[in-house]
């Protein structure tokens, strides 16, 4: 995609039809991912004043989750994975910050140098991961499973990854003029399913810390709504397996 005008023209011309194809080809998967995001994005109705850092981490996770859904709708597989990796890591962080409100001790020191602030930031991230593993091992196992999948298939540049944006079969000089990834029904369904599943793990973290820490309040019927999407995810997975076997 050597010319900016070519890229801009493809975005304007083809984005509506790309998203329409996704909705048409994988409608139930689209609705599942969107509903899981809607629940997550509207989950927290109140938090204690000391949860300022939680609110920042939750807001970050919410934005990345929304971008992940949008990336899936637009057939951007690598971008979808990178956004979901942010959701995975933010889930441990916002859970830890909800369970440990206030300013972490490593940030409370006056007159820290830039190097000390960077070290404090990294220490907080590690503390959040360690806390998640120790406090909610089931949720953490799910987070690590999805993070590992993303790392293997989305986070690093491979020949398979480049094939999403470069058409190796093109013979007319347009190989690098693809802005949207080539649509693939199986991959699209899998991408939307994993997107909704990861967001549901984040929903699970919210429900867990709301119950155990009492620092955040969630929307009414949160558990019922999440359980419904989990049942839909199981049905969609069974449908996918049946389609592959057929």
Protein backbone atom coordinates (compact mmCIF):
# COMPACT_ATOMS: atom_id res chain seq x y z
CA UNK A 1 0.00 0.00 0.00
CA UNK A 2 2.49 2.56 -1.27
CA UNK A 3 0.11 5.46 -1.79
CA UNK A 4 -1.87 7.07 1.02
CA UNK A 5 -4.68 7.89 -1.38
CA UNK A 6 -5.06 4.21 -2.27
CA UNK A 7 -5.38 3.28 1.41
CA UNK A 8 -7.84 6.06 2.18
CA UNK A 9 -9.93 5.15 -0.82
CA UNK A 10 -10.09 1.51 0.23
CA UNK A 11 -11.16 2.46 3.76
CA UNK A 12 -13.93 4.76 2.58
CA UNK A 13 -15.09 2.45 -0.18
CA UNK A 14 -14.86 -0.97 1.42
CA UNK A 15 -15.25 -0.63 5.20
CA UNK A 16 -19.07 -0.77 5.08
CA UNK A 17 -19.04 -3.89 2.93
CA UNK A 18 -16.34 -5.54 5.09
CA UNK A 19 -18.39 -5.02 8.25
CA UNK A 20 -21.57 -6.07 6.44
CA UNK A 21 -19.86 -9.32 5.39
CA UNK A 22 -18.85 -10.03 9.00
CA UNK A 23 -22.38 -9.43 10.26
CA UNK A 24 -23.85 -11.54 7.47
CA UNK A 25 -21.40 -14.44 7.74
CA UNK A 26 -21.08 -14.62 11.52
CA UNK A 27 -24.14 -12.85 12.92
CA UNK A 28 -24.58 -14.84 16.18
CA UNK A 29 -20.84 -14.55 16.91
CA UNK A 30 -20.98 -10.80 16.32
CA UNK A 31 -23.91 -10.41 18.71
CA UNK A 32 -22.16 -12.53 21.34
CA UNK A 33 -18.99 -10.40 21.27
CA UNK A 34 -20.96 -7.16 21.24
CA UNK A 35 -23.20 -8.24 24.12
CA UNK A 36 -20.23 -9.34 26.24
CA UNK A 37 -18.65 -5.93 25.62
CA UNK A 38 -21.87 -4.06 26.40
CA UNK A 39 -22.11 -5.82 29.77
CA UNK A 40 -18.47 -5.07 30.54
CA UNK A 41 -18.64 -1.45 29.41
CA UNK A 42 -21.63 -0.69 31.64
CA UNK A 43 -20.76 -3.00 34.53
CA UNK A 44 -19.45 -0.60 37.20
CA UNK A 45 -22.00 1.82 38.57
CA UNK A 46 -20.08 3.06 41.62
CA UNK A 47 -16.68 2.82 43.32
CA UNK A 48 -15.23 4.11 46.57
CA UNK A 49 -13.22 7.38 46.35
CA UNK A 50 -9.89 5.58 46.88
CA UNK A 51 -10.47 3.55 43.70
CA UNK A 52 -9.21 6.26 41.36
CA UNK A 53 -6.49 4.05 39.91
CA UNK A 54 -9.00 1.23 39.47
CA UNK A 55 -11.22 3.55 37.46
CA UNK A 56 -8.31 4.39 35.18
CA UNK A 57 -7.40 0.73 34.61
CA UNK A 58 -11.04 -0.26 34.06
CA UNK A 59 -11.49 2.58 31.58
CA UNK A 60 -8.39 1.40 29.71
CA UNK A 61 -9.65 -2.18 29.59
CA UNK A 62 -13.05 -0.99 28.40
CA UNK A 63 -11.56 1.01 25.54
CA UNK A 64 -9.27 -1.84 24.44
CA UNK A 65 -12.19 -4.29 24.56
CA UNK A 66 -14.26 -2.01 22.35
CA UNK A 67 -11.41 -1.68 19.88
CA UNK A 68 -11.00 -5.46 19.87
CA UNK A 69 -14.65 -5.91 18.88
CA UNK A 70 -14.32 -3.24 16.21
CA UNK A 71 -11.15 -4.85 14.87
CA UNK A 72 -12.93 -8.18 14.56
CA UNK A 73 -15.82 -6.57 12.69
CA UNK A 74 -13.35 -4.88 10.33
CA UNK A 75 -11.32 -8.04 9.68
CA UNK A 76 -8.13 -6.83 11.37
CA UNK A 77 -6.85 -9.99 13.03
CA UNK A 78 -3.50 -8.73 14.34
CA UNK A 79 -5.01 -5.54 15.74
CA UNK A 80 -7.74 -7.60 17.40
CA UNK A 81 -5.15 -9.75 19.15
CA UNK A 82 -3.04 -6.83 20.30
CA UNK A 83 -6.08 -5.08 21.76
CA UNK A 84 -7.15 -8.26 23.52
CA UNK A 85 -3.69 -8.66 25.04
CA UNK A 86 -4.20 -5.25 26.63
CA UNK A 87 -7.56 -6.44 28.00
CA UNK A 88 -5.94 -9.55 29.47
CA UNK A 89 -3.24 -7.60 31.31
CA UNK A 90 -5.61 -4.79 32.34
CA UNK A 91 -7.94 -7.36 33.91
CA UNK A 92 -5.30 -8.38 36.45
CA UNK A 93 -4.45 -4.73 37.06
CA UNK A 94 -7.96 -3.40 37.62
CA UNK A 95 -8.77 -6.40 39.82
CA UNK A 96 -5.72 -5.74 41.98
CA UNK A 97 -6.46 -2.02 42.21
CA UNK A 98 -10.07 -2.66 43.23
CA UNK A 99 -8.92 -5.07 45.92
CA UNK A 100 -6.16 -2.70 47.05
CA UNK A 101 -7.61 0.83 46.82
CA UNK A 102 -5.55 3.94 47.36
CA UNK A 103 -2.06 4.81 46.19
CA UNK A 104 0.32 1.82 46.11
CA UNK A 105 3.17 2.21 48.56
CA UNK A 106 5.81 2.30 45.84
CA UNK A 107 4.13 5.39 44.37
CA UNK A 108 3.75 7.18 47.68
CA UNK A 109 7.37 8.23 48.08
CA UNK A 110 7.90 11.97 47.68
CA UNK A 111 10.32 13.39 45.11
CA UNK A 112 10.86 10.17 43.17
CA UNK A 113 13.18 10.28 40.20
CA UNK A 114 11.90 9.28 36.79
CA UNK A 115 13.79 6.00 37.06
CA UNK A 116 12.14 5.29 40.42
CA UNK A 117 8.69 6.04 39.00
CA UNK A 118 9.33 3.67 36.10
CA UNK A 119 10.46 0.98 38.54
CA UNK A 120 7.36 1.58 40.71
CA UNK A 121 5.12 1.26 37.67
CA UNK A 122 6.73 -2.03 36.69
CA UNK A 123 6.56 -3.32 40.27
CA UNK A 124 2.83 -2.57 40.39
CA UNK A 125 2.28 -4.54 37.19
CA UNK A 126 4.16 -7.53 38.62
CA UNK A 127 2.28 -7.25 41.92
CA UNK A 128 -1.01 -7.30 40.01
CA UNK A 129 -0.04 -10.43 38.08
CA UNK A 130 1.14 -12.19 41.25
CA UNK A 131 -2.05 -11.20 43.08
CA UNK A 132 -4.26 -12.47 40.25
CA UNK A 133 -2.47 -15.82 40.18
CA UNK A 134 -2.70 -16.27 43.95
CA UNK A 135 -6.17 -14.85 44.62
CA UNK A 136 -8.17 -16.05 41.61
CA UNK A 137 -6.24 -18.98 40.07
CA UNK A 138 -9.17 -20.02 37.88
CA UNK A 139 -9.54 -16.60 36.31
CA UNK A 140 -5.77 -16.27 36.04
CA UNK A 141 -5.50 -19.61 34.22
CA UNK A 142 -8.03 -18.36 31.68
CA UNK A 143 -6.12 -15.09 31.26
CA UNK A 144 -2.84 -16.94 30.74
CA UNK A 145 -4.42 -19.33 28.25
CA UNK A 146 -5.67 -16.48 26.08
CA UNK A 147 -2.48 -14.49 26.49
CA UNK A 148 -0.45 -17.48 25.33
CA UNK A 149 -2.68 -17.94 22.29
CA UNK A 150 -2.34 -14.25 21.39
CA UNK A 151 1.43 -14.35 21.85
CA UNK A 152 1.73 -17.34 19.53
CA UNK A 153 -0.57 -16.09 16.80
CA UNK A 154 -0.97 -12.30 16.98
CA UNK A 155 1.77 -10.53 18.95
CA UNK A 156 4.76 -11.39 16.76
CA UNK A 157 5.44 -10.98 13.07
CA UNK A 158 5.48 -14.26 11.16
CA UNK A 159 4.91 -15.21 7.55
CA UNK A 160 1.40 -16.33 8.51
CA UNK A 161 0.78 -12.92 10.06
CA UNK A 162 2.01 -11.06 6.98
CA UNK A 163 -0.37 -13.07 4.81
CA UNK A 164 -3.24 -11.25 6.51
CA UNK A 165 -2.17 -7.95 4.96
CA UNK A 166 -0.20 -9.01 1.88
CA UNK A 167 -1.79 -10.98 -0.93
CA UNK A 168 0.92 -13.47 -1.94
CA UNK A 169 -1.31 -14.79 -4.72
CA UNK A 170 -1.80 -11.47 -6.49
CA UNK A 171 -0.31 -11.21 -9.98
CA UNK A 172 -1.59 -7.79 -11.01
CA UNK A 173 0.67 -5.57 -8.88
CA UNK A 174 -1.90 -5.04 -6.12
CA UNK A 175 -0.40 -7.40 -3.54
CA UNK A 176 0.30 -4.66 -0.99
CA UNK A 177 -2.88 -2.65 -1.52
CA UNK A 178 -4.97 -4.66 0.93
CA UNK A 179 -6.01 -2.63 3.97
CA UNK A 180 -8.59 -5.07 5.34
CA UNK A 181 -7.53 -8.66 5.96
CA UNK A 182 -8.86 -11.26 3.55
CA UNK A 183 -12.11 -12.58 5.05
CA UNK A 184 -12.06 -16.14 6.33
CA UNK A 185 -15.28 -17.50 7.85
CA UNK A 186 -13.65 -19.94 10.28
CA UNK A 187 -11.10 -17.40 11.51
CA UNK A 188 -13.73 -14.69 11.81
CA UNK A 189 -15.96 -16.86 13.97
CA UNK A 190 -12.99 -17.89 16.13
CA UNK A 191 -11.85 -14.28 16.49
CA UNK A 192 -15.27 -13.08 17.61
CA UNK A 193 -15.69 -16.03 19.97
CA UNK A 194 -12.32 -15.47 21.65
CA UNK A 195 -13.04 -11.73 21.87
CA UNK A 196 -16.28 -12.32 23.75
CA UNK A 197 -14.69 -15.01 25.92
CA UNK A 198 -11.82 -12.78 27.01
CA UNK A 199 -14.22 -9.95 27.81
CA UNK A 200 -16.25 -12.43 29.86
CA UNK A 201 -13.14 -13.30 31.89
CA UNK A 202 -12.82 -9.57 32.59
CA UNK A 203 -16.47 -9.58 33.64
CA UNK A 204 -15.67 -12.48 35.96
CA UNK A 205 -12.89 -10.47 37.58
CA UNK A 206 -15.26 -7.56 38.17
CA UNK A 207 -17.82 -9.83 39.81
CA UNK A 208 -15.19 -11.49 41.99
CA UNK A 209 -13.62 -8.32 43.37
CA UNK A 210 -17.02 -6.65 43.78
CA UNK A 211 -18.08 -9.54 46.00
CA UNK A 212 -14.82 -9.98 47.93
CA UNK A 213 -13.48 -6.43 48.23
CA UNK A 214 -16.71 -4.44 48.32
CA UNK A 215 -15.03 -1.40 46.76
CA UNK A 216 -17.04 -1.39 43.53
CA UNK A 217 -20.75 -1.75 42.79
CA UNK A 218 -21.98 -3.50 39.65
CA UNK A 219 -25.11 -3.11 37.55
CA UNK A 220 -28.21 -5.12 38.54
CA UNK A 221 -28.42 -8.71 37.27
CA UNK A 222 -24.75 -8.65 36.30
CA UNK A 223 -24.23 -12.33 37.12
CA UNK A 224 -27.31 -13.43 35.20
CA UNK A 225 -26.29 -11.42 32.15
CA UNK A 226 -22.77 -12.84 32.13
CA UNK A 227 -24.00 -16.40 32.69
CA UNK A 228 -26.28 -16.01 29.68
CA UNK A 229 -23.37 -14.99 27.44
CA UNK A 230 -21.29 -17.90 28.77
CA UNK A 231 -24.07 -20.32 27.74
CA UNK A 232 -24.17 -18.70 24.31
CA UNK A 233 -20.40 -19.07 23.99
CA UNK A 234 -20.67 -22.80 24.71
CA UNK A 235 -23.41 -23.18 22.10
CA UNK A 236 -21.39 -21.24 19.51
CA UNK A 237 -18.32 -23.37 20.17
CA UNK A 238 -20.35 -26.55 19.78
CA UNK A 239 -21.78 -25.17 16.52
CA UNK A 240 -18.27 -24.42 15.26
CA UNK A 241 -17.04 -27.91 16.11
CA UNK A 242 -20.02 -29.46 14.35
CA UNK A 243 -19.36 -27.32 11.26
CA UNK A 244 -15.68 -28.36 11.21
CA UNK A 245 -16.56 -32.04 11.63
CA UNK A 246 -19.11 -31.76 8.84
